[in-house]
């Protein structure tokens, strides 16, 4: 999460995101923050931008199966158990 959510911070976020990728994405999915729209126009003008609550929730909740399993087990007893569990998800 960013400490500021203005256009300058959004531009910095997109630059940092793109620096870690080997390609430019075709589509980005964000929440409905207006500064993302403005920054995307400057940084990635050819990329489709989707703003939809359902699509964003899928991205934000991708770790949910791990959290549910961890909650059920209460905790992993050893690093080996955690490794075995997480490798089964991939």
N, C-alpha and C. Protein backbone atom coordinates (compact mmCIF):
# COMPACT_ATOMS: atom_id res chain seq x y z
N UNK A 1 0.85 -1.18 0.00
CA UNK A 1 0.00 0.00 0.00
C UNK A 1 0.89 1.23 0.00
N UNK A 2 0.49 2.22 -0.73
CA UNK A 2 1.25 3.45 -0.83
C UNK A 2 0.87 4.39 0.30
N UNK A 3 1.83 5.19 0.73
CA UNK A 3 1.52 6.17 1.78
C UNK A 3 0.69 7.32 1.21
N UNK A 4 0.93 7.65 -0.08
CA UNK A 4 0.13 8.68 -0.75
C UNK A 4 -0.53 8.05 -1.95
N UNK A 5 -1.70 8.54 -2.29
CA UNK A 5 -2.43 7.95 -3.41
C UNK A 5 -2.76 9.02 -4.45
N UNK A 6 -1.74 9.81 -4.82
CA UNK A 6 -1.94 10.84 -5.84
C UNK A 6 -1.31 10.39 -7.16
N UNK A 7 -1.36 11.25 -8.17
CA UNK A 7 -0.86 10.89 -9.50
C UNK A 7 0.64 10.60 -9.48
N UNK A 8 1.40 11.39 -8.74
CA UNK A 8 2.85 11.19 -8.66
C UNK A 8 3.17 9.82 -8.06
N UNK A 9 2.48 9.47 -7.00
CA UNK A 9 2.70 8.16 -6.36
C UNK A 9 2.27 7.02 -7.28
N UNK A 10 1.19 7.22 -8.01
CA UNK A 10 0.72 6.19 -8.94
C UNK A 10 1.71 6.00 -10.09
N UNK A 11 2.29 7.09 -10.58
CA UNK A 11 3.31 6.98 -11.63
C UNK A 11 4.52 6.20 -11.12
N UNK A 12 4.95 6.53 -9.91
CA UNK A 12 6.08 5.82 -9.30
C UNK A 12 5.76 4.33 -9.16
N UNK A 13 4.54 4.02 -8.75
CA UNK A 13 4.11 2.64 -8.60
C UNK A 13 4.15 1.90 -9.94
N UNK A 14 3.62 2.51 -11.00
CA UNK A 14 3.61 1.87 -12.31
C UNK A 14 5.03 1.67 -12.85
N UNK A 15 5.90 2.67 -12.66
CA UNK A 15 7.29 2.52 -13.11
C UNK A 15 7.97 1.36 -12.40
N UNK A 16 7.78 1.29 -11.10
CA UNK A 16 8.37 0.21 -10.31
C UNK A 16 7.81 -1.15 -10.75
N UNK A 17 6.54 -1.19 -11.02
CA UNK A 17 5.89 -2.42 -11.48
C UNK A 17 6.46 -2.86 -12.83
N UNK A 18 6.60 -1.93 -13.77
CA UNK A 18 7.11 -2.26 -15.10
C UNK A 18 8.59 -2.63 -15.08
N UNK A 19 9.34 -2.06 -14.15
CA UNK A 19 10.77 -2.36 -14.07
C UNK A 19 11.00 -3.84 -13.77
N UNK A 20 10.11 -4.44 -13.00
CA UNK A 20 10.26 -5.85 -12.64
C UNK A 20 9.77 -6.81 -13.70
N UNK A 21 9.09 -6.32 -14.73
CA UNK A 21 8.54 -7.19 -15.78
C UNK A 21 9.46 -7.23 -17.00
N UNK A 22 9.39 -8.31 -17.75
CA UNK A 22 10.17 -8.44 -18.98
C UNK A 22 9.36 -7.98 -20.19
N UNK A 23 8.10 -7.62 -19.97
CA UNK A 23 7.20 -7.25 -21.07
C UNK A 23 6.22 -6.20 -20.56
N UNK A 24 5.54 -5.55 -21.48
CA UNK A 24 4.49 -4.60 -21.11
C UNK A 24 3.17 -5.37 -21.10
N UNK A 25 2.40 -5.28 -20.03
CA UNK A 25 1.15 -6.04 -19.97
C UNK A 25 0.12 -5.51 -20.98
N UNK A 26 -0.81 -6.39 -21.37
CA UNK A 26 -1.89 -5.98 -22.27
C UNK A 26 -3.00 -5.28 -21.49
N UNK A 27 -3.23 -5.72 -20.24
CA UNK A 27 -4.33 -5.22 -19.42
C UNK A 27 -3.82 -5.03 -18.00
N UNK A 28 -4.26 -3.96 -17.34
CA UNK A 28 -4.03 -3.82 -15.91
C UNK A 28 -5.38 -3.69 -15.22
N UNK A 29 -5.45 -4.21 -14.01
CA UNK A 29 -6.68 -4.16 -13.23
C UNK A 29 -6.38 -3.43 -11.93
N UNK A 30 -7.15 -2.39 -11.66
CA UNK A 30 -6.95 -1.62 -10.42
C UNK A 30 -8.30 -1.33 -9.78
N UNK A 31 -8.22 -0.72 -8.61
CA UNK A 31 -9.46 -0.22 -8.01
C UNK A 31 -9.83 1.07 -8.72
N UNK A 32 -10.82 1.77 -8.23
CA UNK A 32 -11.35 2.93 -8.97
C UNK A 32 -10.71 4.26 -8.57
N UNK A 33 -9.48 4.21 -8.13
CA UNK A 33 -8.76 5.42 -7.76
C UNK A 33 -8.45 6.24 -9.02
N UNK A 34 -8.84 7.50 -9.02
CA UNK A 34 -8.69 8.35 -10.21
C UNK A 34 -7.23 8.57 -10.59
N UNK A 35 -6.32 8.60 -9.63
CA UNK A 35 -4.92 8.84 -9.95
C UNK A 35 -4.31 7.71 -10.77
N UNK A 36 -4.84 6.49 -10.66
CA UNK A 36 -4.35 5.39 -11.50
C UNK A 36 -4.66 5.66 -12.97
N UNK A 37 -5.83 6.19 -13.25
CA UNK A 37 -6.23 6.49 -14.63
C UNK A 37 -5.28 7.54 -15.22
N UNK A 38 -5.04 8.60 -14.48
CA UNK A 38 -4.18 9.68 -14.96
C UNK A 38 -2.74 9.19 -15.17
N UNK A 39 -2.23 8.43 -14.23
CA UNK A 39 -0.85 7.93 -14.33
C UNK A 39 -0.71 6.91 -15.46
N UNK A 40 -1.70 6.06 -15.63
CA UNK A 40 -1.65 5.05 -16.69
C UNK A 40 -1.61 5.69 -18.07
N UNK A 41 -2.33 6.78 -18.25
CA UNK A 41 -2.32 7.49 -19.53
C UNK A 41 -0.92 8.00 -19.87
N UNK A 42 -0.16 8.41 -18.86
CA UNK A 42 1.19 8.93 -19.08
C UNK A 42 2.21 7.80 -19.25
N UNK A 43 2.13 6.78 -18.42
CA UNK A 43 3.16 5.74 -18.38
C UNK A 43 2.90 4.63 -19.40
N UNK A 44 1.66 4.18 -19.52
CA UNK A 44 1.31 3.06 -20.40
C UNK A 44 0.09 3.40 -21.25
N UNK A 45 0.25 4.27 -22.25
CA UNK A 45 -0.93 4.71 -23.01
C UNK A 45 -1.59 3.61 -23.83
N UNK A 46 -0.86 2.58 -24.25
CA UNK A 46 -1.45 1.54 -25.10
C UNK A 46 -2.03 0.36 -24.34
N UNK A 47 -2.00 0.41 -23.02
CA UNK A 47 -2.45 -0.72 -22.20
C UNK A 47 -3.90 -0.51 -21.80
N UNK A 48 -4.70 -1.57 -21.93
CA UNK A 48 -6.10 -1.50 -21.51
C UNK A 48 -6.17 -1.45 -19.99
N UNK A 49 -7.03 -0.59 -19.47
CA UNK A 49 -7.16 -0.42 -18.02
C UNK A 49 -8.58 -0.80 -17.61
N UNK A 50 -8.68 -1.81 -16.78
CA UNK A 50 -9.99 -2.25 -16.29
C UNK A 50 -10.12 -1.89 -14.82
N UNK A 51 -11.23 -1.25 -14.51
CA UNK A 51 -11.54 -0.89 -13.12
C UNK A 51 -12.86 -1.53 -12.76
N UNK A 52 -12.79 -2.61 -12.03
CA UNK A 52 -14.00 -3.33 -11.67
C UNK A 52 -13.76 -4.01 -10.34
N UNK A 53 -14.71 -3.89 -9.44
CA UNK A 53 -14.53 -4.43 -8.10
C UNK A 53 -14.30 -5.94 -8.11
N UNK A 54 -15.06 -6.67 -8.91
CA UNK A 54 -14.92 -8.12 -8.95
C UNK A 54 -13.57 -8.57 -9.46
N UNK A 55 -13.08 -7.91 -10.51
CA UNK A 55 -11.77 -8.27 -11.06
C UNK A 55 -10.66 -7.95 -10.07
N UNK A 56 -10.77 -6.82 -9.39
CA UNK A 56 -9.77 -6.43 -8.42
C UNK A 56 -9.78 -7.37 -7.22
N UNK A 57 -10.95 -7.82 -6.81
CA UNK A 57 -11.03 -8.74 -5.67
C UNK A 57 -10.33 -10.05 -5.97
N UNK A 58 -10.40 -10.54 -7.21
CA UNK A 58 -9.69 -11.78 -7.56
C UNK A 58 -8.20 -11.62 -7.33
N UNK A 59 -7.66 -10.49 -7.73
CA UNK A 59 -6.23 -10.26 -7.55
C UNK A 59 -5.88 -10.11 -6.08
N UNK A 60 -6.68 -9.39 -5.33
CA UNK A 60 -6.37 -9.14 -3.93
C UNK A 60 -6.59 -10.36 -3.05
N UNK A 61 -7.45 -11.27 -3.48
CA UNK A 61 -7.74 -12.45 -2.66
C UNK A 61 -7.05 -13.71 -3.16
N UNK A 62 -6.04 -13.58 -4.00
CA UNK A 62 -5.38 -14.76 -4.55
C UNK A 62 -4.69 -15.59 -3.47
N UNK A 63 -4.34 -14.97 -2.36
CA UNK A 63 -3.68 -15.70 -1.27
C UNK A 63 -4.67 -16.34 -0.30
N UNK A 64 -5.96 -16.16 -0.55
CA UNK A 64 -6.98 -16.62 0.40
C UNK A 64 -6.94 -18.12 0.68
N UNK A 65 -6.77 -19.01 -0.32
CA UNK A 65 -6.71 -20.45 0.01
C UNK A 65 -5.58 -20.77 0.99
N UNK A 66 -4.45 -20.10 0.82
CA UNK A 66 -3.33 -20.31 1.74
C UNK A 66 -3.70 -19.88 3.14
N UNK A 67 -4.32 -18.72 3.25
CA UNK A 67 -4.70 -18.21 4.57
C UNK A 67 -5.74 -19.12 5.23
N UNK A 68 -6.71 -19.62 4.46
CA UNK A 68 -7.72 -20.51 5.04
C UNK A 68 -7.09 -21.79 5.55
N UNK A 69 -6.19 -22.36 4.78
CA UNK A 69 -5.53 -23.60 5.18
C UNK A 69 -4.66 -23.37 6.42
N UNK A 70 -3.96 -22.26 6.42
CA UNK A 70 -3.11 -21.93 7.57
C UNK A 70 -3.97 -21.75 8.82
N UNK A 71 -5.12 -21.10 8.66
CA UNK A 71 -6.02 -20.89 9.79
C UNK A 71 -6.56 -22.21 10.32
N UNK A 72 -6.90 -23.12 9.41
CA UNK A 72 -7.40 -24.43 9.81
C UNK A 72 -6.36 -25.20 10.60
N UNK A 73 -5.12 -25.14 10.13
CA UNK A 73 -4.04 -25.87 10.80
C UNK A 73 -3.55 -25.13 12.04
N UNK A 74 -3.98 -23.90 12.19
CA UNK A 74 -3.56 -22.99 13.25
C UNK A 74 -2.14 -22.48 13.06
N UNK A 75 -1.25 -23.34 12.67
CA UNK A 75 0.11 -22.92 12.33
C UNK A 75 0.81 -24.11 11.70
N UNK A 76 1.89 -23.83 11.01
CA UNK A 76 2.69 -24.92 10.48
C UNK A 76 3.65 -25.37 11.57
N UNK A 77 3.78 -26.65 11.75
CA UNK A 77 4.60 -27.20 12.83
C UNK A 77 6.09 -27.07 12.54
N UNK A 78 6.44 -27.04 11.26
CA UNK A 78 7.85 -26.94 10.90
C UNK A 78 7.95 -26.26 9.53
N UNK A 79 9.14 -25.76 9.20
CA UNK A 79 9.32 -25.19 7.86
C UNK A 79 9.07 -26.21 6.75
N UNK A 80 9.36 -27.47 7.01
CA UNK A 80 9.11 -28.52 6.02
C UNK A 80 7.64 -28.68 5.71
N UNK A 81 6.79 -28.61 6.73
CA UNK A 81 5.34 -28.70 6.52
C UNK A 81 4.85 -27.52 5.68
N UNK A 82 5.35 -26.33 5.99
CA UNK A 82 4.95 -25.14 5.24
C UNK A 82 5.39 -25.27 3.78
N UNK A 83 6.62 -25.73 3.56
CA UNK A 83 7.14 -25.88 2.20
C UNK A 83 6.31 -26.89 1.41
N UNK A 84 5.99 -28.02 2.03
CA UNK A 84 5.22 -29.06 1.36
C UNK A 84 3.82 -28.55 1.00
N UNK A 85 3.20 -27.82 1.93
CA UNK A 85 1.86 -27.28 1.68
C UNK A 85 1.88 -26.27 0.55
N UNK A 86 2.83 -25.33 0.58
CA UNK A 86 2.88 -24.28 -0.43
C UNK A 86 3.28 -24.83 -1.80
N UNK A 87 4.11 -25.85 -1.85
CA UNK A 87 4.50 -26.42 -3.15
C UNK A 87 3.33 -27.15 -3.80
N UNK A 88 2.39 -27.64 -3.01
CA UNK A 88 1.22 -28.32 -3.55
C UNK A 88 0.27 -27.34 -4.24
N UNK A 89 0.32 -26.07 -3.87
CA UNK A 89 -0.57 -25.06 -4.46
C UNK A 89 -0.11 -24.63 -5.84
N UNK A 90 1.15 -24.76 -6.12
CA UNK A 90 1.70 -24.27 -7.39
C UNK A 90 1.56 -25.24 -8.48
